[in-house]
Amino acid sequence: MEGKAHGMQRLFVALDFSGEERLRVYEAAERIRVAGAFVLKRVRHDNLHITLKFLGDTDRVEEIMQRLGQMPSVSACRLLLSSRPEYFYRSRGPVPVFLPVLDGGPWLCALQRRLCSHMDWSHDSFYPHMTLARIRRKGKGAFLPPMPDLGKNFTMNPLGFSLYSSELRPEGPVYTLLFRSAFKEGRGFSALPDEI
């Protein structure tokens, strides 16, 4: 267990990756460009992750950390992220640009269900992805720009899942690690949902 928790905090649980793997994705995502009617805000390389569960504001931080620490160990699974960025279309507000998971999705969904069951959290719909940036329109009626292929798919090796607090600032969110749980040795791409 790492970090300290006090008072109300905005929390989420996410998969973590090595700094080298995050930087590889971040550098490839430099190909994403917008102009004219749009503003692009990229996610910092050290903030790249796959969210398993967004908890929002809560003051039950110590309890959540303790219960996460009691969750049985999980075997890792190698993931494959697409080289083709996609949008979560929104008619208002910033539009997230993300990479979908091509391989390892069943493992991720099983992990998310197991996490929610252990923690007695609701099982929300879950679409595994890594957010790269957000696009904001300067005016109405602008069509979203096409996204470039980033060259090749990304093999990612999750290190474990972590609990973070998120402080929203004008320059972007600042994440603070509160808890980390490492995975057991993985089975490459062959891990099945019932094997975690």
C-alpha atoms as a PDB file:
ATOM      1  CA  MET A   1       0.000   0.000   0.000  1.00  0.00           C
ATOM      2  CA  GLU A   2       1.344   3.420  -0.939  1.00  0.00           C
ATOM      3  CA  GLY A   3       0.229   6.952  -0.264  1.00  0.00           C
ATOM      4  CA  LYS A   4      -1.983   8.616   2.336  1.00  0.00           C
ATOM      5  CA  ALA A   5      -5.660   9.499   2.141  1.00  0.00           C
ATOM      6  CA  HIS A   6      -7.554  12.260   3.988  1.00  0.00           C
ATOM      7  CA  GLY A   7     -11.039  13.743   3.558  1.00  0.00           C
ATOM      8  CA  MET A   8     -13.103  13.891   0.364  1.00  0.00           C
ATOM      9  CA  GLN A   9     -11.243  12.825  -2.774  1.00  0.00           C
ATOM     10  CA  ARG A  10     -12.094  12.125  -6.429  1.00  0.00           C
ATOM     11  CA  LEU A  11     -11.047   8.510  -7.011  1.00  0.00           C
ATOM     12  CA  PHE A  12     -10.649   5.977  -9.797  1.00  0.00           C
ATOM     13  CA  VAL A  13      -9.112   2.505 -10.184  1.00  0.00           C
ATOM     14  CA  ALA A  14      -6.900   1.947 -13.237  1.00  0.00           C
ATOM     15  CA  LEU A  15      -4.508  -0.467 -14.892  1.00  0.00           C
ATOM     16  CA  ASP A  16      -0.896   0.683 -14.765  1.00  0.00           C
ATOM     17  CA  PHE A  17       1.820   0.207 -17.373  1.00  0.00           C
ATOM     18  CA  SER A  18       5.562   0.783 -17.447  1.00  0.00           C
ATOM     19  CA  GLY A  19       6.845   4.268 -18.215  1.00  0.00           C
ATOM     20  CA  GLU A  20       8.468   2.904 -21.377  1.00  0.00           C
ATOM     21  CA  GLU A  21       5.162   1.509 -22.714  1.00  0.00           C
ATOM     22  CA  ARG A  22       3.279   4.719 -21.887  1.00  0.00           C
ATOM     23  CA  LEU A  23       5.933   6.840 -23.598  1.00  0.00           C
ATOM     24  CA  ARG A  24       5.779   4.664 -26.737  1.00  0.00           C
ATOM     25  CA  VAL A  25       2.017   5.297 -27.024  1.00  0.00           C
ATOM     26  CA  TYR A  26       2.401   8.998 -26.198  1.00  0.00           C
ATOM     27  CA  GLU A  27       5.084   9.573 -28.840  1.00  0.00           C
ATOM     28  CA  ALA A  28       3.047   7.766 -31.509  1.00  0.00           C
ATOM     29  CA  ALA A  29       0.014   9.892 -30.597  1.00  0.00           C
ATOM     30  CA  GLU A  30       1.961  13.024 -31.583  1.00  0.00           C
ATOM     31  CA  ARG A  31       0.600  12.301 -35.092  1.00  0.00           C
ATOM     32  CA  ILE A  32      -2.825  13.454 -33.919  1.00  0.00           C
ATOM     33  CA  ARG A  33      -3.311  17.039 -35.072  1.00  0.00           C
ATOM     34  CA  VAL A  34      -6.263  19.412 -35.180  1.00  0.00           C
ATOM     35  CA  ALA A  35      -6.650  22.870 -36.656  1.00  0.00           C
ATOM     36  CA  GLY A  36      -9.126  25.661 -37.160  1.00  0.00           C
ATOM     37  CA  ALA A  37     -12.308  24.953 -35.203  1.00  0.00           C
ATOM     38  CA  PHE A  38     -10.715  22.620 -32.661  1.00  0.00           C
ATOM     39  CA  VAL A  39      -8.382  22.612 -29.658  1.00  0.00           C
ATOM     40  CA  LEU A  40      -6.517  19.410 -28.771  1.00  0.00           C
ATOM     41  CA  LYS A  41      -5.480  18.671 -25.193  1.00  0.00           C
ATOM     42  CA  ARG A  42      -3.292  15.574 -24.901  1.00  0.00           C
ATOM     43  CA  VAL A  43      -3.095  13.316 -21.866  1.00  0.00           C
ATOM     44  CA  ARG A  44       0.386  13.495 -20.336  1.00  0.00           C
ATOM     45  CA  HIS A  45       2.407  10.316 -20.901  1.00  0.00           C
ATOM     46  CA  ASP A  46       2.669   9.584 -17.162  1.00  0.00           C
ATOM     47  CA  ASN A  47      -1.146   9.794 -16.880  1.00  0.00           C
ATOM     48  CA  LEU A  48      -1.927   7.222 -19.605  1.00  0.00           C
ATOM     49  CA  HIS A  49      -3.911   4.313 -18.162  1.00  0.00           C
ATOM     50  CA  ILE A  50      -6.992   2.131 -18.643  1.00  0.00           C
ATOM     51  CA  THR A  51      -9.729   3.000 -16.164  1.00  0.00           C
ATOM     52  CA  LEU A  52     -11.372   0.004 -14.492  1.00  0.00           C
ATOM     53  CA  LYS A  53     -13.779   1.962 -12.290  1.00  0.00           C
ATOM     54  CA  PHE A  54     -14.450   5.664 -11.737  1.00  0.00           C
ATOM     55  CA  LEU A  55     -15.667   6.256  -8.180  1.00  0.00           C
ATOM     56  CA  GLY A  56     -16.082  10.021  -8.120  1.00  0.00           C
ATOM     57  CA  ASP A  57     -15.950  12.029  -4.900  1.00  0.00           C
ATOM     58  CA  THR A  58     -15.872  10.015  -1.690  1.00  0.00           C
ATOM     59  CA  ASP A  59     -14.627  10.309   1.880  1.00  0.00           C
ATOM     60  CA  ARG A  60     -14.343   6.499   2.297  1.00  0.00           C
ATOM     61  CA  VAL A  61     -10.748   6.455   1.042  1.00  0.00           C
ATOM     62  CA  GLU A  62      -9.166   4.472   3.896  1.00  0.00           C
ATOM     63  CA  GLU A  63     -11.929   1.837   3.750  1.00  0.00           C
ATOM     64  CA  ILE A  64     -11.535   1.471  -0.043  1.00  0.00           C
ATOM     65  CA  MET A  65      -7.755   1.086   0.271  1.00  0.00           C
ATOM     66  CA  GLN A  66      -8.165  -1.563   2.979  1.00  0.00           C
ATOM     67  CA  ARG A  67     -10.685  -3.578   0.951  1.00  0.00           C
ATOM     68  CA  LEU A  68      -8.583  -3.386  -2.212  1.00  0.00           C
ATOM     69  CA  GLY A  69      -5.685  -4.787  -0.176  1.00  0.00           C
ATOM     70  CA  GLN A  70      -7.827  -7.834   0.686  1.00  0.00           C
ATOM     71  CA  MET A  71      -8.637  -8.670  -2.941  1.00  0.00           C
ATOM     72  CA  PRO A  72      -7.097 -11.998  -4.062  1.00  0.00           C
ATOM     73  CA  SER A  73      -4.147 -11.829  -6.476  1.00  0.00           C
ATOM     74  CA  VAL A  74      -4.897 -11.723 -10.182  1.00  0.00           C
ATOM     75  CA  SER A  75      -2.892 -13.187 -13.088  1.00  0.00           C
ATOM     76  CA  ALA A  76      -1.806 -10.652 -15.705  1.00  0.00           C
ATOM     77  CA  CYS A  77      -2.782 -10.731 -19.382  1.00  0.00           C
ATOM     78  CA  ARG A  78      -0.937  -9.033 -22.229  1.00  0.00           C
ATOM     79  CA  LEU A  79      -3.136  -6.482 -24.025  1.00  0.00           C
ATOM     80  CA  LEU A  80      -3.135  -5.267 -27.612  1.00  0.00           C
ATOM     81  CA  LEU A  81      -4.244  -1.685 -28.248  1.00  0.00           C
ATOM     82  CA  SER A  82      -5.342  -0.612 -31.709  1.00  0.00           C
ATOM     83  CA  SER A  83      -3.202   1.792 -33.732  1.00  0.00           C
ATOM     84  CA  ARG A  84      -6.393   3.541 -34.908  1.00  0.00           C
ATOM     85  CA  PRO A  85      -7.706   6.237 -32.525  1.00  0.00           C
ATOM     86  CA  GLU A  86     -11.478   6.545 -32.131  1.00  0.00           C
ATOM     87  CA  TYR A  87     -13.897   9.061 -30.572  1.00  0.00           C
ATOM     88  CA  PHE A  88     -16.437   8.882 -27.805  1.00  0.00           C
ATOM     89  CA  TYR A  89     -18.817  11.241 -29.579  1.00  0.00           C
ATOM     90  CA  ARG A  90     -20.418  13.923 -27.417  1.00  0.00           C
ATOM     91  CA  SER A  91     -22.610  16.736 -28.693  1.00  0.00           C
ATOM     92  CA  ARG A  92     -21.351  19.029 -25.923  1.00  0.00           C
ATOM     93  CA  GLY A  93     -18.086  19.350 -24.049  1.00  0.00           C
ATOM     94  CA  PRO A  94     -14.686  17.854 -24.851  1.00  0.00           C
ATOM     95  CA  VAL A  95     -14.639  14.718 -27.037  1.00  0.00           C
ATOM     96  CA  PRO A  96     -12.277  11.966 -25.808  1.00  0.00           C
ATOM     97  CA  VAL A  97      -9.895  10.415 -28.357  1.00  0.00           C
ATOM     98  CA  PHE A  98      -8.903   6.877 -27.381  1.00  0.00           C
ATOM     99  CA  LEU A  99      -7.316   3.596 -28.432  1.00  0.00           C
ATOM    100  CA  PRO A 100      -9.620   0.563 -28.114  1.00  0.00           C
ATOM    101  CA  VAL A 101      -8.374  -2.787 -26.794  1.00  0.00           C
ATOM    102  CA  LEU A 102      -8.125  -5.337 -29.629  1.00  0.00           C
ATOM    103  CA  ASP A 103      -6.948  -8.331 -27.598  1.00  0.00           C
ATOM    104  CA  GLY A 104      -7.402  -8.964 -23.872  1.00  0.00           C
ATOM    105  CA  GLY A 105     -10.869  -7.400 -23.667  1.00  0.00           C
ATOM    106  CA  PRO A 106     -12.540 -10.483 -22.067  1.00  0.00           C
ATOM    107  CA  TRP A 107      -9.796 -10.566 -19.405  1.00  0.00           C
ATOM    108  CA  LEU A 108     -10.259  -6.846 -18.707  1.00  0.00           C
ATOM    109  CA  CYS A 109     -14.042  -7.187 -18.442  1.00  0.00           C
ATOM    110  CA  ALA A 110     -13.663 -10.200 -16.108  1.00  0.00           C
ATOM    111  CA  LEU A 111     -11.170  -8.244 -13.988  1.00  0.00           C
ATOM    112  CA  GLN A 112     -13.546  -5.290 -13.775  1.00  0.00           C
ATOM    113  CA  ARG A 113     -16.439  -7.580 -12.750  1.00  0.00           C
ATOM    114  CA  ARG A 114     -14.269  -9.281 -10.135  1.00  0.00           C
ATOM    115  CA  LEU A 115     -13.132  -5.925  -8.753  1.00  0.00           C
ATOM    116  CA  CYS A 116     -16.702  -4.592  -8.558  1.00  0.00           C
ATOM    117  CA  SER A 117     -17.980  -7.795  -6.932  1.00  0.00           C
ATOM    118  CA  HIS A 118     -15.200  -7.782  -4.325  1.00  0.00           C
ATOM    119  CA  MET A 119     -15.800  -4.106  -3.518  1.00  0.00           C
ATOM    120  CA  ASP A 120     -19.638  -4.258  -3.721  1.00  0.00           C
ATOM    121  CA  TRP A 121     -19.588  -1.619  -6.462  1.00  0.00           C
ATOM    122  CA  SER A 122     -22.168  -1.400  -9.250  1.00  0.00           C
ATOM    123  CA  HIS A 123     -21.296  -3.174 -12.528  1.00  0.00           C
ATOM    124  CA  ASP A 124     -21.515  -0.299 -14.989  1.00  0.00           C
ATOM    125  CA  SER A 125     -21.125  -0.803 -18.720  1.00  0.00           C
ATOM    126  CA  PHE A 126     -17.430  -1.120 -19.489  1.00  0.00           C
ATOM    127  CA  TYR A 127     -15.605  -0.447 -22.748  1.00  0.00           C
ATOM    128  CA  PRO A 128     -11.836  -0.993 -22.253  1.00  0.00           C
ATOM    129  CA  HIS A 129      -9.758   1.791 -23.806  1.00  0.00           C
ATOM    130  CA  MET A 130      -6.865   4.193 -23.247  1.00  0.00           C
ATOM    131  CA  THR A 131      -7.711   7.888 -23.594  1.00  0.00           C
ATOM    132  CA  LEU A 132      -5.022   9.820 -25.505  1.00  0.00           C
ATOM    133  CA  ALA A 133      -6.503  13.306 -25.735  1.00  0.00           C
ATOM    134  CA  ARG A 134      -9.634  15.413 -25.664  1.00  0.00           C
ATOM    135  CA  ILE A 135     -10.832  17.638 -28.491  1.00  0.00           C
ATOM    136  CA  ARG A 136     -12.826  20.785 -27.812  1.00  0.00           C
ATOM    137  CA  ARG A 137     -14.772  22.636 -30.502  1.00  0.00           C
ATOM    138  CA  LYS A 138     -14.282  26.399 -30.704  1.00  0.00           C
ATOM    139  CA  GLY A 139     -17.695  26.860 -32.304  1.00  0.00           C
ATOM    140  CA  LYS A 140     -20.899  25.036 -33.230  1.00  0.00           C
ATOM    141  CA  GLY A 141     -21.375  22.739 -36.177  1.00  0.00           C
ATOM    142  CA  ALA A 142     -17.759  21.720 -36.704  1.00  0.00           C
ATOM    143  CA  PHE A 143     -17.246  18.132 -37.865  1.00  0.00           C
ATOM    144  CA  LEU A 144     -14.658  16.173 -35.931  1.00  0.00           C
ATOM    145  CA  PRO A 145     -11.360  15.848 -37.807  1.00  0.00           C
ATOM    146  CA  PRO A 146     -10.217  12.441 -39.095  1.00  0.00           C
ATOM    147  CA  MET A 147      -7.751  10.561 -36.911  1.00  0.00           C
ATOM    148  CA  PRO A 148      -4.470   9.238 -38.344  1.00  0.00           C
ATOM    149  CA  ASP A 149      -3.328   5.648 -37.973  1.00  0.00           C
ATOM    150  CA  LEU A 150      -0.520   5.616 -35.401  1.00  0.00           C
ATOM    151  CA  GLY A 151       1.510   3.101 -37.382  1.00  0.00           C
ATOM    152  CA  LYS A 152       1.199  -0.152 -35.485  1.00  0.00           C
ATOM    153  CA  ASN A 153      -0.789  -1.796 -32.709  1.00  0.00           C
ATOM    154  CA  PHE A 154       0.606  -1.519 -29.186  1.00  0.00           C
ATOM    155  CA  THR A 155       1.418  -4.540 -27.038  1.00  0.00           C
ATOM    156  CA  MET A 156       0.918  -3.567 -23.394  1.00  0.00           C
ATOM    157  CA  ASN A 157       1.829  -5.507 -20.249  1.00  0.00           C
ATOM    158  CA  PRO A 158      -0.263  -4.378 -17.249  1.00  0.00           C
ATOM    159  CA  LEU A 159       1.780  -4.195 -14.049  1.00  0.00           C
ATOM    160  CA  GLY A 160      -1.235  -4.179 -11.742  1.00  0.00           C
ATOM    161  CA  PHE A 161      -4.193  -2.051 -10.783  1.00  0.00           C
ATOM    162  CA  SER A 162      -3.994   1.112  -8.710  1.00  0.00           C
ATOM    163  CA  LEU A 163      -6.245   3.487  -6.822  1.00  0.00           C
ATOM    164  CA  TYR A 164      -5.666   7.135  -7.676  1.00  0.00           C
ATOM    165  CA  SER A 165      -7.057  10.431  -6.494  1.00  0.00           C
ATOM    166  CA  SER A 166      -7.581  13.009  -9.225  1.00  0.00           C
ATOM    167  CA  GLU A 167      -7.281  16.735  -8.655  1.00  0.00           C
ATOM    168  CA  LEU A 168      -8.664  18.733 -11.572  1.00  0.00           C
ATOM    169  CA  ARG A 169      -6.549  21.776 -12.427  1.00  0.00           C
ATOM    170  CA  PRO A 170      -6.654  24.226 -15.382  1.00  0.00           C
ATOM    171  CA  GLU A 171      -3.448  22.730 -16.826  1.00  0.00           C
ATOM    172  CA  GLY A 172      -4.877  19.208 -16.544  1.00  0.00           C
ATOM    173  CA  PRO A 173      -5.605  16.581 -13.893  1.00  0.00           C
ATOM    174  CA  VAL A 174      -2.983  15.638 -11.310  1.00  0.00           C
ATOM    175  CA  TYR A 175      -3.114  11.999 -10.195  1.00  0.00           C
ATOM    176  CA  THR A 176      -1.870  10.837  -6.788  1.00  0.00           C
ATOM    177  CA  LEU A 177      -1.218   7.145  -6.211  1.00  0.00           C
ATOM    178  CA  LEU A 178      -2.989   5.872  -3.082  1.00  0.00           C
ATOM    179  CA  PHE A 179      -2.763   2.096  -3.480  1.00  0.00           C
ATOM    180  CA  ARG A 180      -1.124  -0.364  -5.895  1.00  0.00           C
ATOM    181  CA  SER A 181      -1.672  -4.105  -6.361  1.00  0.00           C
ATOM    182  CA  ALA A 182       0.734  -6.042  -8.598  1.00  0.00           C
ATOM    183  CA  PHE A 183      -0.437  -8.888 -10.851  1.00  0.00           C
ATOM    184  CA  LYS A 184       0.850 -12.426 -10.686  1.00  0.00           C
ATOM    185  CA  GLU A 185       2.867 -13.705 -13.645  1.00  0.00           C
ATOM    186  CA  GLY A 186       0.682 -13.609 -16.728  1.00  0.00           C
ATOM    187  CA  ARG A 187      -0.277 -15.965 -19.534  1.00  0.00           C
ATOM    188  CA  GLY A 188       0.435 -13.721 -22.511  1.00  0.00           C
ATOM    189  CA  PHE A 189      -2.608 -13.187 -24.734  1.00  0.00           C
ATOM    190  CA  SER A 190      -4.058 -16.599 -23.757  1.00  0.00           C
ATOM    191  CA  ALA A 191      -5.505 -15.676 -20.349  1.00  0.00           C
ATOM    192  CA  LEU A 192      -9.186 -16.543 -20.102  1.00  0.00           C
ATOM    193  CA  PRO A 193     -11.699 -14.677 -17.939  1.00  0.00           C
ATOM    194  CA  ASP A 194     -12.112 -17.634 -15.558  1.00  0.00           C
ATOM    195  CA  GLU A 195      -8.333 -17.832 -15.024  1.00  0.00           C
ATOM    196  CA  ILE A 196      -7.882 -14.485 -13.347  1.00  0.00           C
END
